[in-house]
Amino acid sequence: MLAADVPLGRIGEPEEVGKTVAFLASDDASFINASEIYVDGGLAQI
């Protein structure tokens, strides 16, 4: 994959995925259920 292929123009960092996982595991995400959350810089939208 090239950064030019990603709508945000860069490849994501492992920390960005980790922050998403940490949020989903926190109480702040307690009302989220049965959702697919893509951490892909917008790639799923094209």
PDB file of N, CA and C in Angstrom:
ATOM      1  N   MET A   1       0.841  -1.166   0.000  1.00  0.00           N
ATOM      2  CA  MET A   1       0.000   0.000   0.000  1.00  0.00           C
ATOM      3  C   MET A   1       0.890   1.234   0.000  1.00  0.00           C
ATOM      4  N   LEU A   2       0.498   2.207  -0.776  1.00  0.00           N
ATOM      5  CA  LEU A   2       1.227   3.463  -0.840  1.00  0.00           C
ATOM      6  C   LEU A   2       0.428   4.563  -0.164  1.00  0.00           C
ATOM      7  N   ALA A   3       1.119   5.520   0.412  1.00  0.00           N
ATOM      8  CA  ALA A   3       0.440   6.630   1.078  1.00  0.00           C
ATOM      9  C   ALA A   3      -0.475   7.370   0.114  1.00  0.00           C
ATOM     10  N   ALA A   4      -0.104   7.428  -1.151  1.00  0.00           N
ATOM     11  CA  ALA A   4      -0.929   8.123  -2.144  1.00  0.00           C
ATOM     12  C   ALA A   4      -2.273   7.438  -2.355  1.00  0.00           C
ATOM     13  N   ASP A   5      -2.381   6.163  -2.015  1.00  0.00           N
ATOM     14  CA  ASP A   5      -3.639   5.428  -2.171  1.00  0.00           C
ATOM     15  C   ASP A   5      -4.630   5.704  -1.040  1.00  0.00           C
ATOM     16  N   VAL A   6      -4.162   6.260   0.053  1.00  0.00           N
ATOM     17  CA  VAL A   6      -4.997   6.496   1.232  1.00  0.00           C
ATOM     18  C   VAL A   6      -5.537   7.927   1.165  1.00  0.00           C
ATOM     19  N   PRO A   7      -6.855   8.125   1.340  1.00  0.00           N
ATOM     20  CA  PRO A   7      -7.417   9.469   1.254  1.00  0.00           C
ATOM     21  C   PRO A   7      -6.754  10.499   2.175  1.00  0.00           C
ATOM     22  N   LEU A   8      -6.306  10.093   3.345  1.00  0.00           N
ATOM     23  CA  LEU A   8      -5.622  11.044   4.225  1.00  0.00           C
ATOM     24  C   LEU A   8      -4.193  11.336   3.782  1.00  0.00           C
ATOM     25  N   GLY A   9      -3.694  10.579   2.818  1.00  0.00           N
ATOM     26  CA  GLY A   9      -2.381  10.849   2.254  1.00  0.00           C
ATOM     27  C   GLY A   9      -1.205  10.302   3.038  1.00  0.00           C
ATOM     28  N   ARG A  10      -1.459   9.409   3.965  1.00  0.00           N
ATOM     29  CA  ARG A  10      -0.361   8.822   4.737  1.00  0.00           C
ATOM     30  C   ARG A  10      -0.789   7.459   5.255  1.00  0.00           C
ATOM     31  N   ILE A  11       0.188   6.668   5.645  1.00  0.00           N
ATOM     32  CA  ILE A  11      -0.060   5.365   6.242  1.00  0.00           C
ATOM     33  C   ILE A  11      -0.246   5.563   7.745  1.00  0.00           C
ATOM     34  N   GLY A  12      -1.203   4.877   8.309  1.00  0.00           N
ATOM     35  CA  GLY A  12      -1.472   5.004   9.740  1.00  0.00           C
ATOM     36  C   GLY A  12      -0.373   4.400  10.596  1.00  0.00           C
ATOM     37  N   GLU A  13      -0.300   4.875  11.813  1.00  0.00           N
ATOM     38  CA  GLU A  13       0.680   4.394  12.778  1.00  0.00           C
ATOM     39  C   GLU A  13       0.015   3.389  13.728  1.00  0.00           C
ATOM     40  N   PRO A  14       0.778   2.431  14.241  1.00  0.00           N
ATOM     41  CA  PRO A  14       0.216   1.467  15.190  1.00  0.00           C
ATOM     42  C   PRO A  14      -0.437   2.139  16.404  1.00  0.00           C
ATOM     43  N   GLU A  15       0.102   3.262  16.832  1.00  0.00           N
ATOM     44  CA  GLU A  15      -0.456   3.972  17.978  1.00  0.00           C
ATOM     45  C   GLU A  15      -1.884   4.436  17.702  1.00  0.00           C
ATOM     46  N   GLU A  16      -2.193   4.751  16.443  1.00  0.00           N
ATOM     47  CA  GLU A  16      -3.540   5.201  16.094  1.00  0.00           C
ATOM     48  C   GLU A  16      -4.551   4.065  16.248  1.00  0.00           C
ATOM     49  N   VAL A  17      -4.151   2.877  15.888  1.00  0.00           N
ATOM     50  CA  VAL A  17      -5.019   1.714  16.088  1.00  0.00           C
ATOM     51  C   VAL A  17      -5.158   1.445  17.585  1.00  0.00           C
ATOM     52  N   GLY A  18      -4.064   1.528  18.305  1.00  0.00           N
ATOM     53  CA  GLY A  18      -4.082   1.301  19.748  1.00  0.00           C
ATOM     54  C   GLY A  18      -4.983   2.280  20.480  1.00  0.00           C
ATOM     55  N   LYS A  19      -4.977   3.539  20.067  1.00  0.00           N
ATOM     56  CA  LYS A  19      -5.846   4.532  20.697  1.00  0.00           C
ATOM     57  C   LYS A  19      -7.313   4.212  20.451  1.00  0.00           C
ATOM     58  N   THR A  20      -7.619   3.694  19.277  1.00  0.00           N
ATOM     59  CA  THR A  20      -8.999   3.301  18.976  1.00  0.00           C
ATOM     60  C   THR A  20      -9.421   2.134  19.855  1.00  0.00           C
ATOM     61  N   VAL A  21      -8.547   1.152  19.989  1.00  0.00           N
ATOM     62  CA  VAL A  21      -8.841  -0.006  20.840  1.00  0.00           C
ATOM     63  C   VAL A  21      -9.015   0.435  22.289  1.00  0.00           C
ATOM     64  N   ALA A  22      -8.146   1.317  22.755  1.00  0.00           N
ATOM     65  CA  ALA A  22      -8.250   1.802  24.134  1.00  0.00           C
ATOM     66  C   ALA A  22      -9.569   2.538  24.355  1.00  0.00           C
ATOM     67  N   PHE A  23      -9.983   3.349  23.387  1.00  0.00           N
ATOM     68  CA  PHE A  23     -11.264   4.040  23.503  1.00  0.00           C
ATOM     69  C   PHE A  23     -12.413   3.047  23.577  1.00  0.00           C
ATOM     70  N   LEU A  24     -12.417   2.056  22.694  1.00  0.00           N
ATOM     71  CA  LEU A  24     -13.507   1.085  22.670  1.00  0.00           C
ATOM     72  C   LEU A  24     -13.570   0.255  23.949  1.00  0.00           C
ATOM     73  N   ALA A  25     -12.439   0.081  24.603  1.00  0.00           N
ATOM     74  CA  ALA A  25     -12.401  -0.676  25.854  1.00  0.00           C
ATOM     75  C   ALA A  25     -12.740   0.186  27.071  1.00  0.00           C
ATOM     76  N   SER A  26     -12.855   1.490  26.861  1.00  0.00           N
ATOM     77  CA  SER A  26     -13.101   2.395  27.982  1.00  0.00           C
ATOM     78  C   SER A  26     -14.594   2.582  28.248  1.00  0.00           C
ATOM     79  N   ASP A  27     -14.891   3.179  29.386  1.00  0.00           N
ATOM     80  CA  ASP A  27     -16.275   3.495  29.731  1.00  0.00           C
ATOM     81  C   ASP A  27     -16.873   4.536  28.786  1.00  0.00           C
ATOM     82  N   ASP A  28     -16.034   5.345  28.144  1.00  0.00           N
ATOM     83  CA  ASP A  28     -16.529   6.355  27.201  1.00  0.00           C
ATOM     84  C   ASP A  28     -17.247   5.730  26.014  1.00  0.00           C
ATOM     85  N   ALA A  29     -16.963   4.480  25.729  1.00  0.00           N
ATOM     86  CA  ALA A  29     -17.584   3.790  24.594  1.00  0.00           C
ATOM     87  C   ALA A  29     -18.669   2.821  25.041  1.00  0.00           C
ATOM     88  N   SER A  30     -19.169   2.998  26.244  1.00  0.00           N
ATOM     89  CA  SER A  30     -20.117   2.024  26.793  1.00  0.00           C
ATOM     90  C   SER A  30     -21.440   1.944  26.039  1.00  0.00           C
ATOM     91  N   PHE A  31     -21.790   2.948  25.256  1.00  0.00           N
ATOM     92  CA  PHE A  31     -23.056   2.942  24.526  1.00  0.00           C
ATOM     93  C   PHE A  31     -22.874   2.507  23.075  1.00  0.00           C
ATOM     94  N   ILE A  32     -21.668   2.161  22.683  1.00  0.00           N
ATOM     95  CA  ILE A  32     -21.385   1.690  21.326  1.00  0.00           C
ATOM     96  C   ILE A  32     -21.543   0.176  21.304  1.00  0.00           C
ATOM     97  N   ASN A  33     -22.301  -0.320  20.318  1.00  0.00           N
ATOM     98  CA  ASN A  33     -22.427  -1.770  20.173  1.00  0.00           C
ATOM     99  C   ASN A  33     -22.690  -2.111  18.713  1.00  0.00           C
ATOM    100  N   ALA A  34     -22.284  -3.294  18.328  1.00  0.00           N
ATOM    101  CA  ALA A  34     -22.525  -3.828  16.983  1.00  0.00           C
ATOM    102  C   ALA A  34     -22.116  -2.857  15.883  1.00  0.00           C
ATOM    103  N   SER A  35     -20.948  -2.279  16.010  1.00  0.00           N
ATOM    104  CA  SER A  35     -20.459  -1.335  15.012  1.00  0.00           C
ATOM    105  C   SER A  35     -19.149  -1.819  14.424  1.00  0.00           C
ATOM    106  N   GLU A  36     -18.934  -1.461  13.179  1.00  0.00           N
ATOM    107  CA  GLU A  36     -17.636  -1.691  12.550  1.00  0.00           C
ATOM    108  C   GLU A  36     -16.941  -0.349  12.466  1.00  0.00           C
ATOM    109  N   ILE A  37     -15.790  -0.257  13.064  1.00  0.00           N
ATOM    110  CA  ILE A  37     -15.033   0.985  13.067  1.00  0.00           C
ATOM    111  C   ILE A  37     -13.749   0.738  12.293  1.00  0.00           C
ATOM    112  N   TYR A  38     -13.627   1.429  11.182  1.00  0.00           N
ATOM    113  CA  TYR A  38     -12.459   1.275  10.323  1.00  0.00           C
ATOM    114  C   TYR A  38     -11.411   2.313  10.709  1.00  0.00           C
ATOM    115  N   VAL A  39     -10.215   1.862  10.954  1.00  0.00           N
ATOM    116  CA  VAL A  39      -9.089   2.746  11.245  1.00  0.00           C
ATOM    117  C   VAL A  39      -8.155   2.605  10.051  1.00  0.00           C
ATOM    118  N   ASP A  40      -8.559   3.249   8.947  1.00  0.00           N
ATOM    119  CA  ASP A  40      -7.850   3.034   7.682  1.00  0.00           C
ATOM    120  C   ASP A  40      -7.613   4.311   6.888  1.00  0.00           C
ATOM    121  N   GLY A  41      -7.737   5.454   7.533  1.00  0.00           N
ATOM    122  CA  GLY A  41      -7.472   6.711   6.846  1.00  0.00           C
ATOM    123  C   GLY A  41      -8.467   7.042   5.747  1.00  0.00           C
ATOM    124  N   GLY A  42      -9.639   6.444   5.789  1.00  0.00           N
ATOM    125  CA  GLY A  42     -10.668   6.707   4.790  1.00  0.00           C
ATOM    126  C   GLY A  42     -10.672   5.747   3.626  1.00  0.00           C
ATOM    127  N   LEU A  43      -9.803   4.756   3.641  1.00  0.00           N
ATOM    128  CA  LEU A  43      -9.680   3.821   2.522  1.00  0.00           C
ATOM    129  C   LEU A  43     -10.972   3.047   2.269  1.00  0.00           C
ATOM    130  N   ALA A  44     -11.727   2.735   3.308  1.00  0.00           N
ATOM    131  CA  ALA A  44     -12.972   1.978   3.143  1.00  0.00           C
ATOM    132  C   ALA A  44     -14.053   2.794   2.438  1.00  0.00           C
ATOM    133  N   GLN A  45     -13.891   4.094   2.373  1.00  0.00           N
ATOM    134  CA  GLN A  45     -14.901   4.957   1.769  1.00  0.00           C
ATOM    135  C   GLN A  45     -14.810   5.024   0.252  1.00  0.00           C
ATOM    136  N   ILE A  46     -13.718   4.518  -0.311  1.00  0.00           N
ATOM    137  CA  ILE A  46     -13.586   4.568  -1.778  1.00  0.00           C
ATOM    138  C   ILE A  46     -13.789   3.213  -2.399  1.00  0.00           C
TER     139      ILE A  46
END
